[in-house]
Amino acid sequence: MPRLILTFKTLHLVMSAEKILRFEKGFKCRVTPVPHGLSDSVCGMAVELLNDAEKQGALAALEAIDLSPTEVHEII
């Protein structure tokens, strides 16, 4: 199963995205360090979606509140 990593510009945005996705929308996700060399993310943290089938729904939920990730990575 691929790892789905969502990066954001700041740690504040990472924490906000996790709060929305995990606690308000019920998606399975966690805050995780950005894998080395994956992104130029300043904060070094990202949101990892734990169920790849939820990718489109999670991205749509974030887009609806103008909190789209800077980058979306699938790591196999």
C-alpha atoms as a PDB file:
ATOM      1  CA  MET A   1       0.000   0.000   0.000  1.00  0.00           C
ATOM      2  CA  PRO A   2       1.468   3.393  -0.956  1.00  0.00           C
ATOM      3  CA  ARG A   3       2.114   6.090   1.621  1.00  0.00           C
ATOM      4  CA  LEU A   4       0.211   9.292   0.868  1.00  0.00           C
ATOM      5  CA  ILE A   5       2.055  12.325   2.204  1.00  0.00           C
ATOM      6  CA  LEU A   6       0.526  15.825   2.206  1.00  0.00           C
ATOM      7  CA  THR A   7       2.987  18.653   2.794  1.00  0.00           C
ATOM      8  CA  PHE A   8       2.182  22.199   3.869  1.00  0.00           C
ATOM      9  CA  LYS A   9       4.170  25.419   4.200  1.00  0.00           C
ATOM     10  CA  THR A  10       3.940  25.651   7.998  1.00  0.00           C
ATOM     11  CA  LEU A  11       3.462  23.411  11.006  1.00  0.00           C
ATOM     12  CA  HIS A  12       0.324  25.391  11.857  1.00  0.00           C
ATOM     13  CA  LEU A  13      -1.220  24.329   8.532  1.00  0.00           C
ATOM     14  CA  VAL A  14      -0.180  20.698   9.121  1.00  0.00           C
ATOM     15  CA  MET A  15      -1.873  20.694  12.517  1.00  0.00           C
ATOM     16  CA  SER A  16      -4.991  22.412  11.133  1.00  0.00           C
ATOM     17  CA  ALA A  17      -5.245  19.887   8.297  1.00  0.00           C
ATOM     18  CA  GLU A  18      -4.891  16.959  10.701  1.00  0.00           C
ATOM     19  CA  LYS A  19      -7.553  18.410  12.998  1.00  0.00           C
ATOM     20  CA  ILE A  20     -10.005  18.829  10.126  1.00  0.00           C
ATOM     21  CA  LEU A  21      -9.306  15.475   8.472  1.00  0.00           C
ATOM     22  CA  ARG A  22      -8.979  13.284  11.552  1.00  0.00           C
ATOM     23  CA  PHE A  23     -11.238  14.780  14.172  1.00  0.00           C
ATOM     24  CA  GLU A  24     -13.902  16.612  12.181  1.00  0.00           C
ATOM     25  CA  LYS A  25     -14.172  14.503   9.004  1.00  0.00           C
ATOM     26  CA  GLY A  26     -13.153  11.073  10.354  1.00  0.00           C
ATOM     27  CA  PHE A  27     -10.318  10.303   7.900  1.00  0.00           C
ATOM     28  CA  LYS A  28      -7.530   7.999   9.039  1.00  0.00           C
ATOM     29  CA  CYS A  29      -4.377  10.111   9.108  1.00  0.00           C
ATOM     30  CA  ARG A  30      -1.469  11.164  11.305  1.00  0.00           C
ATOM     31  CA  VAL A  31       1.180  13.844  11.541  1.00  0.00           C
ATOM     32  CA  THR A  32       4.542  12.458  10.453  1.00  0.00           C
ATOM     33  CA  PRO A  33       8.011  13.781   9.616  1.00  0.00           C
ATOM     34  CA  VAL A  34       8.518  14.535   5.921  1.00  0.00           C
ATOM     35  CA  PRO A  35      10.683  11.726   4.487  1.00  0.00           C
ATOM     36  CA  HIS A  36      14.212  12.923   3.713  1.00  0.00           C
ATOM     37  CA  GLY A  37      14.573  14.528   0.296  1.00  0.00           C
ATOM     38  CA  LEU A  38      10.847  14.477  -0.455  1.00  0.00           C
ATOM     39  CA  SER A  39      10.013  18.137  -0.072  1.00  0.00           C
ATOM     40  CA  ASP A  40      11.394  21.566   0.695  1.00  0.00           C
ATOM     41  CA  SER A  41       8.797  21.895   3.446  1.00  0.00           C
ATOM     42  CA  VAL A  42      10.114  24.385   5.990  1.00  0.00           C
ATOM     43  CA  CYS A  43       8.430  22.815   8.991  1.00  0.00           C
ATOM     44  CA  GLY A  44       9.595  19.247   8.294  1.00  0.00           C
ATOM     45  CA  MET A  45       6.220  17.714   9.184  1.00  0.00           C
ATOM     46  CA  ALA A  46       3.383  16.435   7.002  1.00  0.00           C
ATOM     47  CA  VAL A  47       0.029  14.674   7.156  1.00  0.00           C
ATOM     48  CA  GLU A  48       0.038  11.024   6.119  1.00  0.00           C
ATOM     49  CA  LEU A  49      -3.250   9.509   4.954  1.00  0.00           C
ATOM     50  CA  LEU A  50      -3.462   5.941   6.219  1.00  0.00           C
ATOM     51  CA  ASN A  51      -6.124   4.770   3.763  1.00  0.00           C
ATOM     52  CA  ASP A  52      -5.236   5.470   0.117  1.00  0.00           C
ATOM     53  CA  ALA A  53      -8.891   5.046  -0.898  1.00  0.00           C
ATOM     54  CA  GLU A  54      -9.660   8.243   1.041  1.00  0.00           C
ATOM     55  CA  LYS A  55      -7.246  10.409  -0.986  1.00  0.00           C
ATOM     56  CA  GLN A  56      -9.786  12.231  -3.170  1.00  0.00           C
ATOM     57  CA  GLY A  57     -12.229  12.791  -0.322  1.00  0.00           C
ATOM     58  CA  ALA A  58      -9.531  14.139   1.968  1.00  0.00           C
ATOM     59  CA  LEU A  59      -8.171  16.491  -0.688  1.00  0.00           C
ATOM     60  CA  ALA A  60     -11.695  17.708  -1.473  1.00  0.00           C
ATOM     61  CA  ALA A  61     -12.379  18.341   2.225  1.00  0.00           C
ATOM     62  CA  LEU A  62      -9.220  20.440   2.529  1.00  0.00           C
ATOM     63  CA  GLU A  63      -9.865  22.302  -0.723  1.00  0.00           C
ATOM     64  CA  ALA A  64     -13.383  23.183   0.439  1.00  0.00           C
ATOM     65  CA  ILE A  65     -11.919  25.166   3.348  1.00  0.00           C
ATOM     66  CA  ASP A  66      -9.022  26.632   1.330  1.00  0.00           C
ATOM     67  CA  LEU A  67      -6.416  24.450   3.071  1.00  0.00           C
ATOM     68  CA  SER A  68      -5.024  22.537   0.112  1.00  0.00           C
ATOM     69  CA  PRO A  69      -1.593  20.949   0.643  1.00  0.00           C
ATOM     70  CA  THR A  70       1.465  22.395  -1.054  1.00  0.00           C
ATOM     71  CA  GLU A  71       2.372  18.951  -2.413  1.00  0.00           C
ATOM     72  CA  VAL A  72       0.857  15.452  -2.480  1.00  0.00           C
ATOM     73  CA  HIS A  73       3.270  12.519  -2.672  1.00  0.00           C
ATOM     74  CA  GLU A  74       2.603   8.809  -3.152  1.00  0.00           C
ATOM     75  CA  ILE A  75       5.479   6.710  -1.901  1.00  0.00           C
ATOM     76  CA  ILE A  76       5.401   3.054  -2.942  1.00  0.00           C
END
